[in-house]
C-alpha atoms as a PDB file:
ATOM      1  CA  MET A   1     -73.108  -5.103 -43.248  1.00  0.00           C
ATOM      2  CA  ASN A   2     -73.790  -4.782 -39.520  1.00  0.00           C
ATOM      3  CA  LYS A   3     -71.860  -1.707 -38.325  1.00  0.00           C
ATOM      4  CA  GLU A   4     -70.853  -3.634 -35.192  1.00  0.00           C
ATOM      5  CA  ALA A   5     -69.092  -6.274 -37.304  1.00  0.00           C
ATOM      6  CA  VAL A   6     -65.877  -6.346 -39.327  1.00  0.00           C
ATOM      7  CA  GLU A   7     -66.093  -7.668 -42.893  1.00  0.00           C
ATOM      8  CA  ARG A   8     -63.287  -8.097 -45.407  1.00  0.00           C
ATOM      9  CA  ASN A   9     -62.997 -10.157 -48.596  1.00  0.00           C
ATOM     10  CA  ILE A  10     -60.511 -11.240 -51.243  1.00  0.00           C
ATOM     11  CA  TRP A  11     -60.555 -13.174 -54.519  1.00  0.00           C
ATOM     12  CA  ILE A  12     -58.233 -16.174 -54.811  1.00  0.00           C
ATOM     13  CA  ALA A  13     -57.375 -17.954 -58.070  1.00  0.00           C
ATOM     14  CA  ALA A  14     -58.114 -21.431 -56.750  1.00  0.00           C
ATOM     15  CA  PRO A  15     -61.105 -23.805 -56.539  1.00  0.00           C
ATOM     16  CA  ARG A  16     -63.374 -23.466 -53.528  1.00  0.00           C
ATOM     17  CA  GLY A  17     -62.343 -26.916 -52.242  1.00  0.00           C
ATOM     18  CA  ARG A  18     -58.683 -25.846 -52.129  1.00  0.00           C
ATOM     19  CA  VAL A  19     -59.452 -22.647 -50.221  1.00  0.00           C
ATOM     20  CA  TRP A  20     -61.715 -24.603 -47.847  1.00  0.00           C
ATOM     21  CA  GLN A  21     -58.762 -26.776 -46.877  1.00  0.00           C
ATOM     22  CA  ALA A  22     -56.617 -23.704 -46.219  1.00  0.00           C
ATOM     23  CA  VAL A  23     -59.155 -22.201 -43.758  1.00  0.00           C
ATOM     24  CA  THR A  24     -60.194 -25.428 -41.958  1.00  0.00           C
ATOM     25  CA  ASP A  25     -57.148 -27.716 -41.863  1.00  0.00           C
ATOM     26  CA  PRO A  26     -55.138 -26.792 -38.721  1.00  0.00           C
ATOM     27  CA  GLU A  27     -51.778 -27.575 -40.322  1.00  0.00           C
ATOM     28  CA  GLN A  28     -52.571 -25.255 -43.225  1.00  0.00           C
ATOM     29  CA  ILE A  29     -54.127 -22.516 -41.050  1.00  0.00           C
ATOM     30  CA  ALA A  30     -50.841 -22.319 -39.142  1.00  0.00           C
ATOM     31  CA  GLN A  31     -48.956 -21.561 -42.375  1.00  0.00           C
ATOM     32  CA  TRP A  32     -50.722 -18.242 -43.053  1.00  0.00           C
ATOM     33  CA  PHE A  33     -52.434 -17.368 -39.740  1.00  0.00           C
ATOM     34  CA  LEU A  34     -49.531 -17.633 -37.276  1.00  0.00           C
ATOM     35  CA  PRO A  35     -46.293 -15.625 -37.387  1.00  0.00           C
ATOM     36  CA  PRO A  36     -43.530 -18.008 -38.570  1.00  0.00           C
ATOM     37  CA  VAL A  37     -41.191 -16.662 -35.871  1.00  0.00           C
ATOM     38  CA  LEU A  38     -43.320 -18.454 -33.247  1.00  0.00           C
ATOM     39  CA  GLY A  39     -42.374 -21.825 -34.665  1.00  0.00           C
ATOM     40  CA  ALA A  40     -45.838 -22.977 -33.591  1.00  0.00           C
ATOM     41  CA  GLN A  41     -48.233 -25.512 -35.061  1.00  0.00           C
ATOM     42  CA  MET A  42     -51.996 -25.898 -34.796  1.00  0.00           C
ATOM     43  CA  LYS A  43     -54.248 -28.881 -34.151  1.00  0.00           C
ATOM     44  CA  ARG A  44     -57.945 -29.620 -33.741  1.00  0.00           C
ATOM     45  CA  ASN A  45     -59.419 -32.115 -31.277  1.00  0.00           C
ATOM     46  CA  ASP A  46     -62.519 -34.267 -31.628  1.00  0.00           C
ATOM     47  CA  SER A  47     -64.748 -31.647 -29.973  1.00  0.00           C
ATOM     48  CA  GLY A  48     -63.757 -29.018 -32.552  1.00  0.00           C
ATOM     49  CA  ARG A  49     -61.344 -27.023 -30.397  1.00  0.00           C
ATOM     50  CA  LEU A  50     -58.464 -25.376 -32.247  1.00  0.00           C
ATOM     51  CA  PHE A  51     -55.111 -25.261 -30.430  1.00  0.00           C
ATOM     52  CA  VAL A  52     -51.869 -23.387 -30.960  1.00  0.00           C
ATOM     53  CA  CYS A  53     -49.042 -25.772 -30.057  1.00  0.00           C
ATOM     54  CA  MET A  54     -45.841 -24.202 -28.753  1.00  0.00           C
ATOM     55  CA  GLY A  55     -43.337 -26.739 -27.464  1.00  0.00           C
ATOM     56  CA  PRO A  56     -44.989 -28.813 -24.738  1.00  0.00           C
ATOM     57  CA  MET A  57     -47.884 -26.357 -24.396  1.00  0.00           C
ATOM     58  CA  ASP A  58     -51.208 -26.568 -26.262  1.00  0.00           C
ATOM     59  CA  VAL A  59     -53.270 -23.370 -25.986  1.00  0.00           C
ATOM     60  CA  ALA A  60     -56.947 -23.489 -26.998  1.00  0.00           C
ATOM     61  CA  VAL A  61     -57.661 -20.379 -29.089  1.00  0.00           C
ATOM     62  CA  ALA A  62     -60.998 -21.142 -30.771  1.00  0.00           C
ATOM     63  CA  ARG A  63     -63.662 -23.759 -31.388  1.00  0.00           C
ATOM     64  CA  PHE A  64     -65.443 -24.671 -34.596  1.00  0.00           C
ATOM     65  CA  GLU A  65     -69.086 -23.682 -34.198  1.00  0.00           C
ATOM     66  CA  VAL A  66     -70.729 -24.067 -37.644  1.00  0.00           C
ATOM     67  CA  VAL A  67     -69.325 -26.131 -40.515  1.00  0.00           C
ATOM     68  CA  ASP A  68     -71.089 -26.142 -43.904  1.00  0.00           C
ATOM     69  CA  GLU A  69     -68.496 -27.591 -46.285  1.00  0.00           C
ATOM     70  CA  PRO A  70     -67.369 -26.039 -48.604  1.00  0.00           C
ATOM     71  CA  ARG A  71     -69.491 -22.903 -48.234  1.00  0.00           C
ATOM     72  CA  GLN A  72     -69.177 -21.543 -44.725  1.00  0.00           C
ATOM     73  CA  VAL A  73     -67.398 -22.157 -41.427  1.00  0.00           C
ATOM     74  CA  THR A  74     -67.636 -20.236 -38.141  1.00  0.00           C
ATOM     75  CA  ILE A  75     -65.161 -20.376 -35.257  1.00  0.00           C
ATOM     76  CA  ARG A  76     -65.527 -18.653 -31.866  1.00  0.00           C
ATOM     77  CA  ASN A  77     -62.596 -17.380 -29.821  1.00  0.00           C
ATOM     78  CA  LEU A  78     -61.556 -19.010 -26.530  1.00  0.00           C
ATOM     79  CA  PRO A  79     -61.702 -18.594 -23.616  1.00  0.00           C
ATOM     80  CA  ASP A  80     -63.561 -15.311 -24.178  1.00  0.00           C
ATOM     81  CA  GLU A  81     -66.337 -16.849 -26.331  1.00  0.00           C
ATOM     82  CA  LEU A  82     -67.414 -13.371 -27.455  1.00  0.00           C
ATOM     83  CA  ILE A  83     -66.101 -12.860 -30.992  1.00  0.00           C
ATOM     84  CA  ALA A  84     -67.039 -15.199 -33.864  1.00  0.00           C
ATOM     85  CA  VAL A  85     -65.141 -15.423 -37.174  1.00  0.00           C
ATOM     86  CA  THR A  86     -67.145 -16.623 -40.194  1.00  0.00           C
ATOM     87  CA  TYR A  87     -65.547 -17.564 -43.515  1.00  0.00           C
ATOM     88  CA  THR A  88     -67.913 -17.585 -46.491  1.00  0.00           C
ATOM     89  CA  LEU A  89     -66.571 -19.109 -49.728  1.00  0.00           C
ATOM     90  CA  ALA A  90     -68.298 -18.382 -53.044  1.00  0.00           C
ATOM     91  CA  GLU A  91     -67.319 -19.482 -56.547  1.00  0.00           C
ATOM     92  CA  GLU A  92     -66.467 -16.489 -58.709  1.00  0.00           C
ATOM     93  CA  GLN A  93     -64.834 -16.124 -62.137  1.00  0.00           C
ATOM     94  CA  GLY A  94     -63.155 -19.515 -61.985  1.00  0.00           C
ATOM     95  CA  GLY A  95     -61.788 -18.875 -58.494  1.00  0.00           C
ATOM     96  CA  THR A  96     -63.086 -18.244 -54.982  1.00  0.00           C
ATOM     97  CA  ARG A  97     -64.301 -15.120 -53.220  1.00  0.00           C
ATOM     98  CA  VAL A  98     -63.476 -15.421 -49.496  1.00  0.00           C
ATOM     99  CA  THR A  99     -65.435 -13.159 -47.146  1.00  0.00           C
ATOM    100  CA  VAL A 100     -64.498 -12.984 -43.474  1.00  0.00           C
ATOM    101  CA  THR A 101     -66.965 -11.534 -40.964  1.00  0.00           C
ATOM    102  CA  LEU A 102     -66.111 -10.841 -37.311  1.00  0.00           C
ATOM    103  CA  SER A 103     -69.214 -10.518 -35.136  1.00  0.00           C
ATOM    104  CA  GLY A 104     -69.976 -10.269 -31.433  1.00  0.00           C
ATOM    105  CA  PHE A 105     -68.604  -6.765 -30.814  1.00  0.00           C
ATOM    106  CA  GLU A 106     -72.074  -5.621 -29.734  1.00  0.00           C
ATOM    107  CA  ALA A 107     -71.503  -7.497 -26.450  1.00  0.00           C
ATOM    108  CA  LEU A 108     -68.665  -5.097 -25.578  1.00  0.00           C
ATOM    109  CA  PRO A 109     -68.955  -1.672 -23.933  1.00  0.00           C
ATOM    110  CA  GLU A 110     -69.169   1.112 -26.536  1.00  0.00           C
ATOM    111  CA  GLU A 111     -65.659   2.457 -25.984  1.00  0.00           C
ATOM    112  CA  ALA A 112     -64.041  -0.975 -26.139  1.00  0.00           C
ATOM    113  CA  ARG A 113     -66.133  -1.870 -29.190  1.00  0.00           C
ATOM    114  CA  GLN A 114     -64.911   1.096 -31.226  1.00  0.00           C
ATOM    115  CA  GLU A 115     -61.288   0.630 -30.174  1.00  0.00           C
ATOM    116  CA  ARG A 116     -61.314  -3.057 -31.182  1.00  0.00           C
ATOM    117  CA  LEU A 117     -63.119  -2.769 -34.530  1.00  0.00           C
ATOM    118  CA  GLY A 118     -60.324  -0.791 -36.215  1.00  0.00           C
ATOM    119  CA  PRO A 119     -57.341  -3.070 -35.522  1.00  0.00           C
ATOM    120  CA  SER A 120     -59.437  -6.150 -36.294  1.00  0.00           C
ATOM    121  CA  GLY A 121     -60.322  -4.805 -39.740  1.00  0.00           C
ATOM    122  CA  THR A 122     -56.710  -3.898 -40.510  1.00  0.00           C
ATOM    123  CA  GLY A 123     -55.521  -7.266 -39.237  1.00  0.00           C
ATOM    124  CA  TRP A 124     -57.887  -9.201 -41.490  1.00  0.00           C
ATOM    125  CA  GLU A 125     -56.845  -7.230 -44.571  1.00  0.00           C
ATOM    126  CA  LYS A 126     -53.308  -8.474 -43.936  1.00  0.00           C
ATOM    127  CA  ALA A 127     -54.397 -11.986 -42.988  1.00  0.00           C
ATOM    128  CA  LEU A 128     -56.416 -12.414 -46.182  1.00  0.00           C
ATOM    129  CA  ALA A 129     -53.427 -11.240 -48.199  1.00  0.00           C
ATOM    130  CA  ASN A 130     -51.409 -13.940 -46.407  1.00  0.00           C
ATOM    131  CA  LEU A 131     -54.102 -16.532 -47.135  1.00  0.00           C
ATOM    132  CA  LYS A 132     -54.075 -15.653 -50.834  1.00  0.00           C
ATOM    133  CA  ALA A 133     -50.276 -15.832 -50.989  1.00  0.00           C
ATOM    134  CA  TYR A 134     -50.262 -19.191 -49.206  1.00  0.00           C
ATOM    135  CA  VAL A 135     -52.802 -20.711 -51.595  1.00  0.00           C
ATOM    136  CA  ASP A 136     -50.957 -19.179 -54.568  1.00  0.00           C
ATOM    137  CA  GLY A 137     -47.675 -20.663 -53.327  1.00  0.00           C
ATOM    138  CA  THR A 138     -45.919 -17.302 -52.919  1.00  0.00           C
ATOM    139  CA  GLU A 139     -44.156 -15.572 -50.015  1.00  0.00           C
ATOM    140  CA  LEU A 140     -46.401 -14.190 -47.255  1.00  0.00           C
ATOM    141  CA  PRO A 141     -46.585 -10.373 -47.507  1.00  0.00           C
ATOM    142  CA  PHE A 142     -47.178  -9.999 -43.748  1.00  0.00           C
ATOM    143  CA  PRO A 143     -45.167 -12.717 -41.943  1.00  0.00           C
ATOM    144  CA  GLN A 144     -45.400 -10.920 -38.585  1.00  0.00           C
ATOM    145  CA  GLY A 145     -48.816 -12.467 -37.866  1.00  0.00           C
ATOM    146  CA  TYR A 146     -51.782 -10.613 -36.403  1.00  0.00           C
ATOM    147  CA  VAL A 147     -53.541 -13.174 -34.204  1.00  0.00           C
ATOM    148  CA  ALA A 148     -54.475 -10.729 -31.422  1.00  0.00           C
ATOM    149  CA  ALA A 149     -56.159  -8.387 -33.906  1.00  0.00           C
ATOM    150  CA  LEU A 150     -57.724 -11.225 -35.924  1.00  0.00           C
ATOM    151  CA  LEU A 151     -59.543 -12.539 -32.863  1.00  0.00           C
ATOM    152  CA  GLY A 152     -60.506  -9.075 -31.597  1.00  0.00           C
ATOM    153  CA  TYR A 153     -58.054  -8.779 -28.700  1.00  0.00           C
ATOM    154  CA  ARG A 154     -56.403  -5.444 -29.560  1.00  0.00           C
ATOM    155  CA  ARG A 155     -57.696  -2.008 -28.555  1.00  0.00           C
ATOM    156  CA  GLU A 156     -56.220   0.993 -30.318  1.00  0.00           C
ATOM    157  CA  THR A 157     -56.674   4.733 -30.622  1.00  0.00           C
ATOM    158  CA  LYS A 158     -54.341   7.219 -32.294  1.00  0.00           C
ATOM    159  CA  GLN A 159     -52.459   7.567 -29.002  1.00  0.00           C
ATOM    160  CA  THR A 160     -52.883   4.249 -27.146  1.00  0.00           C
ATOM    161  CA  PHE A 161     -52.413   0.509 -27.616  1.00  0.00           C
ATOM    162  CA  ALA A 162     -53.876  -2.190 -25.343  1.00  0.00           C
ATOM    163  CA  VAL A 163     -54.614  -5.915 -25.180  1.00  0.00           C
ATOM    164  CA  GLU A 164     -58.012  -6.994 -23.851  1.00  0.00           C
ATOM    165  CA  ARG A 165     -59.195 -10.497 -22.927  1.00  0.00           C
ATOM    166  CA  SER A 166     -62.164 -11.793 -20.940  1.00  0.00           C
ATOM    167  CA  ILE A 167     -63.739 -14.965 -19.559  1.00  0.00           C
ATOM    168  CA  TRP A 168     -67.008 -16.022 -17.967  1.00  0.00           C
ATOM    169  CA  ILE A 169     -66.675 -17.578 -14.513  1.00  0.00           C
ATOM    170  CA  LYS A 170     -69.379 -19.558 -12.761  1.00  0.00           C
ATOM    171  CA  ALA A 171     -69.181 -17.615  -9.495  1.00  0.00           C
ATOM    172  CA  PRO A 172     -70.441 -14.345  -7.969  1.00  0.00           C
ATOM    173  CA  ARG A 173     -68.413 -11.175  -8.452  1.00  0.00           C
ATOM    174  CA  GLU A 174     -67.453 -11.123  -4.766  1.00  0.00           C
ATOM    175  CA  ARG A 175     -65.805 -14.539  -5.111  1.00  0.00           C
ATOM    176  CA  VAL A 176     -63.870 -13.499  -8.220  1.00  0.00           C
ATOM    177  CA  TRP A 177     -62.863 -10.221  -6.555  1.00  0.00           C
ATOM    178  CA  ARG A 178     -61.209 -12.121  -3.698  1.00  0.00           C
ATOM    179  CA  ALA A 179     -59.353 -14.332  -6.170  1.00  0.00           C
ATOM    180  CA  ILE A 180     -57.723 -11.334  -7.910  1.00  0.00           C
ATOM    181  CA  THR A 181     -56.934  -9.271  -4.794  1.00  0.00           C
ATOM    182  CA  ASP A 182     -55.987 -11.804  -2.077  1.00  0.00           C
ATOM    183  CA  PRO A 183     -52.248 -12.604  -2.443  1.00  0.00           C
ATOM    184  CA  GLU A 184     -52.668 -16.151  -1.086  1.00  0.00           C
ATOM    185  CA  GLN A 185     -55.276 -16.864  -3.749  1.00  0.00           C
ATOM    186  CA  ILE A 186     -53.315 -15.127  -6.531  1.00  0.00           C
ATOM    187  CA  GLN A 187     -50.407 -17.472  -5.824  1.00  0.00           C
ATOM    188  CA  GLN A 188     -52.596 -20.528  -6.410  1.00  0.00           C
ATOM    189  CA  TRP A 189     -53.724 -19.625  -9.941  1.00  0.00           C
ATOM    190  CA  PHE A 190     -51.020 -17.212 -11.151  1.00  0.00           C
ATOM    191  CA  SER A 191     -47.774 -18.656  -9.865  1.00  0.00           C
ATOM    192  CA  PRO A 192     -48.095 -21.865  -7.827  1.00  0.00           C
ATOM    193  CA  GLY A 193     -45.032 -22.079  -5.579  1.00  0.00           C
ATOM    194  CA  SER A 194     -44.209 -18.363  -5.733  1.00  0.00           C
ATOM    195  CA  PRO A 195     -45.770 -16.374  -2.857  1.00  0.00           C
ATOM    196  CA  TRP A 196     -47.306 -12.929  -3.339  1.00  0.00           C
ATOM    197  CA  ARG A 197     -47.714 -10.237  -0.718  1.00  0.00           C
ATOM    198  CA  LEU A 198     -49.852  -7.131  -0.381  1.00  0.00           C
ATOM    199  CA  THR A 199     -49.012  -4.074   1.708  1.00  0.00           C
ATOM    200  CA  THR A 200     -52.610  -2.804   1.792  1.00  0.00           C
ATOM    201  CA  LEU A 201     -55.663  -3.144  -0.465  1.00  0.00           C
ATOM    202  CA  GLN A 202     -55.914   0.586  -1.000  1.00  0.00           C
ATOM    203  CA  VAL A 203     -54.801   3.136  -3.558  1.00  0.00           C
ATOM    204  CA  GLY A 204     -51.029   3.419  -3.153  1.00  0.00           C
ATOM    205  CA  GLY A 205     -50.693  -0.143  -1.883  1.00  0.00           C
ATOM    206  CA  GLN A 206     -48.239  -2.582  -3.423  1.00  0.00           C
ATOM    207  CA  LEU A 207     -48.859  -6.100  -4.737  1.00  0.00           C
ATOM    208  CA  SER A 208     -45.787  -8.170  -5.603  1.00  0.00           C
ATOM    209  CA  VAL A 209     -44.117 -11.554  -5.826  1.00  0.00           C
ATOM    210  CA  TYR A 210     -42.133 -12.075  -2.624  1.00  0.00           C
ATOM    211  CA  ASP A 211     -38.890 -14.031  -2.188  1.00  0.00           C
ATOM    212  CA  PRO A 212     -38.594 -14.886   1.530  1.00  0.00           C
ATOM    213  CA  GLU A 213     -35.004 -16.097   1.121  1.00  0.00           C
ATOM    214  CA  THR A 214     -33.755 -12.698  -0.025  1.00  0.00           C
ATOM    215  CA  ASP A 215     -36.605 -10.623   1.451  1.00  0.00           C
ATOM    216  CA  THR A 216     -37.080  -8.929  -1.921  1.00  0.00           C
ATOM    217  CA  ASP A 217     -40.046  -8.201  -4.172  1.00  0.00           C
ATOM    218  CA  SER A 218     -40.417  -8.571  -7.930  1.00  0.00           C
ATOM    219  CA  HIS A 219     -43.207  -8.073 -10.474  1.00  0.00           C
ATOM    220  CA  ILE A 220     -44.299  -5.081  -8.406  1.00  0.00           C
ATOM    221  CA  GLU A 221     -47.756  -3.615  -9.076  1.00  0.00           C
ATOM    222  CA  MET A 222     -48.863  -0.329  -7.505  1.00  0.00           C
ATOM    223  CA  ILE A 223     -52.594  -0.098  -6.813  1.00  0.00           C
ATOM    224  CA  GLU A 224     -54.355   2.814  -8.534  1.00  0.00           C
ATOM    225  CA  LEU A 225     -58.044   1.954  -8.091  1.00  0.00           C
ATOM    226  CA  VAL A 226     -59.995  -0.238  -5.657  1.00  0.00           C
ATOM    227  CA  ASN A 227     -63.735  -0.409  -6.352  1.00  0.00           C
ATOM    228  CA  PRO A 228     -65.043  -3.754  -5.029  1.00  0.00           C
ATOM    229  CA  PRO A 229     -66.461  -5.801  -6.590  1.00  0.00           C
ATOM    230  CA  HIS A 230     -66.483  -3.822  -9.839  1.00  0.00           C
ATOM    231  CA  GLN A 231     -62.975  -2.764 -10.857  1.00  0.00           C
ATOM    232  CA  PHE A 232     -59.351  -3.100  -9.752  1.00  0.00           C
ATOM    233  CA  ARG A 233     -56.479  -1.228 -11.438  1.00  0.00           C
ATOM    234  CA  THR A 234     -52.720  -1.523 -10.991  1.00  0.00           C
ATOM    235  CA  ARG A 235     -49.613  -0.070 -12.647  1.00  0.00           C
ATOM    236  CA  SER A 236     -46.402  -2.054 -13.001  1.00  0.00           C
ATOM    237  CA  VAL A 237     -43.071  -0.805 -11.629  1.00  0.00           C
ATOM    238  CA  PRO A 238     -40.603  -2.269 -14.133  1.00  0.00           C
ATOM    239  CA  GLN A 239     -36.847  -2.253 -14.293  1.00  0.00           C
ATOM    240  CA  PRO A 240     -35.476  -0.129 -17.186  1.00  0.00           C
ATOM    241  CA  PRO A 241     -35.551  -0.467 -20.158  1.00  0.00           C
ATOM    242  CA  GLU A 242     -38.990  -2.024 -19.663  1.00  0.00           C
ATOM    243  CA  THR A 243     -41.903   0.405 -19.621  1.00  0.00           C
ATOM    244  CA  PRO A 244     -44.839   0.584 -17.164  1.00  0.00           C
ATOM    245  CA  GLN A 245     -48.174  -0.991 -18.040  1.00  0.00           C
ATOM    246  CA  THR A 246     -51.613  -0.506 -16.535  1.00  0.00           C
ATOM    247  CA  THR A 247     -53.823  -3.525 -15.897  1.00  0.00           C
ATOM    248  CA  ILE A 248     -57.552  -3.038 -15.345  1.00  0.00           C
ATOM    249  CA  TRP A 249     -59.709  -5.881 -14.017  1.00  0.00           C
ATOM    250  CA  THR A 250     -63.417  -5.283 -14.666  1.00  0.00           C
ATOM    251  CA  LEU A 251     -66.057  -7.563 -13.122  1.00  0.00           C
ATOM    252  CA  ALA A 252     -69.610  -7.605 -14.505  1.00  0.00           C
ATOM    253  CA  GLU A 253     -72.557  -9.808 -13.607  1.00  0.00           C
ATOM    254  CA  GLU A 254     -73.502 -12.059 -16.508  1.00  0.00           C
ATOM    255  CA  LYS A 255     -75.854 -15.070 -16.723  1.00  0.00           C
ATOM    256  CA  GLY A 256     -75.673 -15.875 -13.031  1.00  0.00           C
ATOM    257  CA  GLY A 257     -71.881 -15.630 -12.964  1.00  0.00           C
ATOM    258  CA  THR A 258     -69.155 -13.075 -13.651  1.00  0.00           C
ATOM    259  CA  ARG A 259     -67.624 -11.751 -16.856  1.00  0.00           C
ATOM    260  CA  LEU A 260     -64.049 -10.829 -15.946  1.00  0.00           C
ATOM    261  CA  THR A 261     -62.263  -8.574 -18.440  1.00  0.00           C
ATOM    262  CA  ILE A 262     -58.555  -7.745 -18.324  1.00  0.00           C
ATOM    263  CA  THR A 263     -57.362  -4.642 -20.166  1.00  0.00           C
ATOM    264  CA  ASN A 264     -53.574  -4.347 -20.314  1.00  0.00           C
ATOM    265  CA  ALA A 265     -52.552  -0.902 -21.585  1.00  0.00           C
ATOM    266  CA  GLY A 266     -49.421   1.161 -22.153  1.00  0.00           C
ATOM    267  CA  TYR A 267     -47.959  -0.448 -25.285  1.00  0.00           C
ATOM    268  CA  GLU A 268     -47.626   2.970 -26.908  1.00  0.00           C
ATOM    269  CA  LEU A 269     -44.580   3.367 -24.628  1.00  0.00           C
ATOM    270  CA  VAL A 270     -42.964   0.218 -26.032  1.00  0.00           C
ATOM    271  CA  ALA A 271     -40.475   0.649 -28.872  1.00  0.00           C
ATOM    272  CA  ALA A 272     -42.259   0.333 -32.213  1.00  0.00           C
ATOM    273  CA  ASP A 273     -40.065  -2.544 -33.436  1.00  0.00           C
ATOM    274  CA  VAL A 274     -41.052  -4.779 -30.493  1.00  0.00           C
ATOM    275  CA  ARG A 275     -44.559  -3.475 -29.763  1.00  0.00           C
ATOM    276  CA  HIS A 276     -46.370  -5.835 -32.102  1.00  0.00           C
ATOM    277  CA  PRO A 277     -44.704  -9.126 -31.005  1.00  0.00           C
ATOM    278  CA  THR A 278     -45.043  -8.095 -27.359  1.00  0.00           C
ATOM    279  CA  MET A 279     -48.788  -7.553 -27.756  1.00  0.00           C
ATOM    280  CA  GLU A 280     -49.131 -10.882 -29.593  1.00  0.00           C
ATOM    281  CA  GLN A 281     -47.319 -12.754 -26.833  1.00  0.00           C
ATOM    282  CA  ASN A 282     -49.259 -11.052 -24.039  1.00  0.00           C
ATOM    283  CA  ALA A 283     -52.615 -11.656 -25.736  1.00  0.00           C
ATOM    284  CA  PHE A 284     -51.929 -15.400 -25.520  1.00  0.00           C
ATOM    285  CA  GLY A 285     -50.574 -15.090 -21.976  1.00  0.00           C
ATOM    286  CA  PHE A 286     -53.608 -13.251 -20.613  1.00  0.00           C
ATOM    287  CA  GLY A 287     -55.913 -15.840 -22.150  1.00  0.00           C
ATOM    288  CA  MET A 288     -54.013 -18.618 -20.384  1.00  0.00           C
ATOM    289  CA  MET A 289     -54.018 -16.606 -17.151  1.00  0.00           C
ATOM    290  CA  LEU A 290     -57.810 -16.272 -17.305  1.00  0.00           C
ATOM    291  CA  GLU A 291     -58.226 -20.007 -17.855  1.00  0.00           C
ATOM    292  CA  ASN A 292     -56.155 -20.658 -14.716  1.00  0.00           C
ATOM    293  CA  LEU A 293     -58.217 -18.163 -12.741  1.00  0.00           C
ATOM    294  CA  GLN A 294     -61.506 -19.644 -13.953  1.00  0.00           C
ATOM    295  CA  ALA A 295     -60.391 -23.165 -13.024  1.00  0.00           C
ATOM    296  CA  PHE A 296     -59.221 -22.060  -9.568  1.00  0.00           C
ATOM    297  CA  VAL A 297     -62.449 -20.236  -8.718  1.00  0.00           C
ATOM    298  CA  GLU A 298     -64.592 -23.101 -10.013  1.00  0.00           C
ATOM    299  CA  GLY A 299     -62.596 -25.688  -8.029  1.00  0.00           C
ATOM    300  CA  ALA A 300     -60.787 -27.390 -10.910  1.00  0.00           C
ATOM    301  CA  SER A 301     -57.086 -28.004 -11.583  1.00  0.00           C
ATOM    302  CA  VAL A 302     -55.354 -25.075 -13.274  1.00  0.00           C
ATOM    303  CA  PRO A 303     -54.532 -25.946 -16.915  1.00  0.00           C
ATOM    304  CA  TYR A 304     -51.205 -24.052 -16.914  1.00  0.00           C
ATOM    305  CA  PRO A 305     -49.524 -24.747 -13.544  1.00  0.00           C
ATOM    306  CA  TYR A 306     -46.061 -23.787 -14.791  1.00  0.00           C
ATOM    307  CA  GLY A 307     -46.887 -20.275 -15.916  1.00  0.00           C
ATOM    308  CA  PHE A 308     -47.715 -18.458 -19.123  1.00  0.00           C
END
């Protein structure tokens, strides 16, 4: 196995056709892939995009890339389009051997690569156990869900926990830099209708949502690093009992445009009983945020105008 990939497998006492349905039918995927507490469903459109449906919101999380029924199917995560998940189904001893391979980690910086491989492997061990239980008709052993890890969005060391998402934008780094540091532009893709203000674009400066009626600030971010057009880092100033988080925006030239990566760290400070669901929720939220930012910079309508 490629050392830059994650590979896990499990044997299921069911025909290959039955397991194929469980890993390709959106309604069935939702039963073992998503945490039941979300109350979410999944659907697939005609172009092969896979959506998580939560209330009135449909969030694209992956697209089907290769389909070889009933042997192999590959999906690629969205909007990052970096990590691919391949299911390989083989007949074995009257049942089915399911092998899952996550690839694409070689496109990441070395440090990020190593910190994302571990949680992805652990996540898929649990997800495959859920898949087996679902097909067997028994209770899921891990109902919490591990979507962020399954799609390669979690970074972990022994001391730290972070969520990391990225997107490719058809624009130069300088253009993307302005979109993430100019408060008037942030308002247009992050929170239409809610103004932002900036004291100064320097270390020690403050970026926040501003309420002119009360002359107060909320969602305050203190600036810790300004390195245009490469990296921008802020630290939140939360109200107790919330804990501070660091957000790092990294801009890299890629294929005539910009790969923008958001690393949101500090979850080791969050209470253990809420850490996991918080990371799951934020992994989805940052993906939606990046889609809004991409649309704004490229001159399109933002897909999530009411927030994320």
